[in-house]
Structures are given as C-alpha cells and as structure tokens.
C-alpha cells in the first residue's frame, strides 16, 4: 500500500474517532437533560392533578376548609 494512501486512511480514521467522541459526549449530555426534564414533567403533572382536584372541590362548593372555619367558637 502506498504511504500517502495509508496516511490518508489513518487521518480519516482519526477524524472519525474524534467525531465519535464528540457525538458520545453530546448524547450523554442530552440523556442527562432528558432525565431532568422527565422529572420536571412528572412534578408538573402531579401539580396539575392537585390543582384540578382543588378547582373541582371549589366548584362543588366544598372548597378547602381550615379547621378554624369548620366550627364556630363555643361562645357564638
């Protein structure tokens, strides 16, 4: 094999290895970002469920009662 062709192939292999290393790093970073966003989405879904239940209770007239609102003091 000609030395120039061998050098050219070696350079192409090095370029591919460099590119793959950058891609691996990018993929790892994206996986971490997706995991964080997944947790945030789960938290937001839980909050939406709680808010939805709260609004439903308010519409039904139940609302959220504090212990001080449930019974008037005995002197009334």
Protein backbone atom coordinates (compact mmCIF):
# COMPACT_ATOMS: atom_id res chain seq x y z
CA UNK A 1 0.00 0.00 0.00
CA UNK A 2 1.25 3.43 -0.90
CA UNK A 3 2.42 5.57 2.07
CA UNK A 4 0.25 8.55 1.08
CA UNK A 5 -2.88 6.39 0.90
CA UNK A 6 -2.01 4.86 4.26
CA UNK A 7 -1.55 8.34 5.79
CA UNK A 8 -4.82 9.50 4.27
CA UNK A 9 -6.69 6.49 5.68
CA UNK A 10 -5.08 7.00 9.08
CA UNK A 11 -6.17 10.67 9.05
CA UNK A 12 -9.73 9.68 8.12
CA UNK A 13 -9.83 7.13 10.95
CA UNK A 14 -8.61 9.77 13.43
CA UNK A 15 -11.25 12.21 12.20
CA UNK A 16 -13.95 9.56 12.62
CA UNK A 17 -12.75 8.74 16.14
CA UNK A 18 -12.75 12.42 17.08
CA UNK A 19 -16.23 12.90 15.67
CA UNK A 20 -17.49 9.84 17.53
CA UNK A 21 -16.02 11.10 20.80
CA UNK A 22 -17.85 14.43 20.40
CA UNK A 23 -21.08 12.62 19.49
CA UNK A 24 -20.79 10.34 22.54
CA UNK A 25 -20.34 13.38 24.78
CA UNK A 26 -23.31 15.12 23.19
CA UNK A 27 -25.52 12.04 23.56
CA UNK A 28 -24.59 11.71 27.24
CA UNK A 29 -25.38 15.37 27.82
CA UNK A 30 -28.72 15.03 26.06
CA UNK A 31 -29.60 11.93 28.08
CA UNK A 32 -28.99 13.86 31.31
CA UNK A 33 -31.12 16.73 30.07
CA UNK A 34 -33.97 14.39 29.11
CA UNK A 35 -33.84 12.72 32.54
CA UNK A 36 -34.06 16.11 34.29
CA UNK A 37 -36.93 17.20 32.06
CA UNK A 38 -38.74 13.91 32.69
CA UNK A 39 -38.61 14.53 36.44
CA UNK A 40 -39.85 18.10 35.94
CA UNK A 41 -42.73 16.89 33.76
CA UNK A 42 -43.74 14.33 36.38
CA UNK A 43 -43.71 17.04 39.05
CA UNK A 44 -45.80 19.36 36.88
CA UNK A 45 -48.30 16.57 36.17
CA UNK A 46 -48.68 15.97 39.89
CA UNK A 47 -49.22 19.67 40.49
CA UNK A 48 -51.80 19.80 37.69
CA UNK A 49 -53.68 16.87 39.22
CA UNK A 50 -53.72 18.57 42.62
CA UNK A 51 -54.86 21.87 41.12
CA UNK A 52 -57.55 20.12 39.11
CA UNK A 53 -58.87 18.41 42.24
CA UNK A 54 -58.75 21.70 44.14
CA UNK A 55 -60.74 23.51 41.44
CA UNK A 56 -63.24 20.65 41.27
CA UNK A 57 -63.77 20.88 45.04
CA UNK A 58 -64.28 24.63 44.82
CA UNK A 59 -66.84 24.26 42.01
CA UNK A 60 -68.72 21.64 44.00
CA UNK A 61 -68.92 24.05 46.93
CA UNK A 62 -66.72 22.01 49.20
CA UNK A 63 -63.62 24.10 48.92
CA UNK A 64 -60.75 23.66 51.27
CA UNK A 65 -61.84 24.32 54.82
CA UNK A 66 -59.45 25.31 57.51
CA UNK A 67 -60.02 23.90 60.97
CA UNK A 68 -60.94 27.39 62.21
CA UNK A 69 -63.69 27.64 59.55
CA UNK A 70 -65.32 24.31 60.32
CA UNK A 71 -66.93 25.15 63.63
CA UNK A 72 -67.67 28.50 65.18
CA UNK A 73 -66.24 29.11 68.64
CA UNK A 74 -68.48 27.94 71.51
CA UNK A 75 -69.43 31.49 72.57
CA UNK A 76 -71.47 32.11 69.36
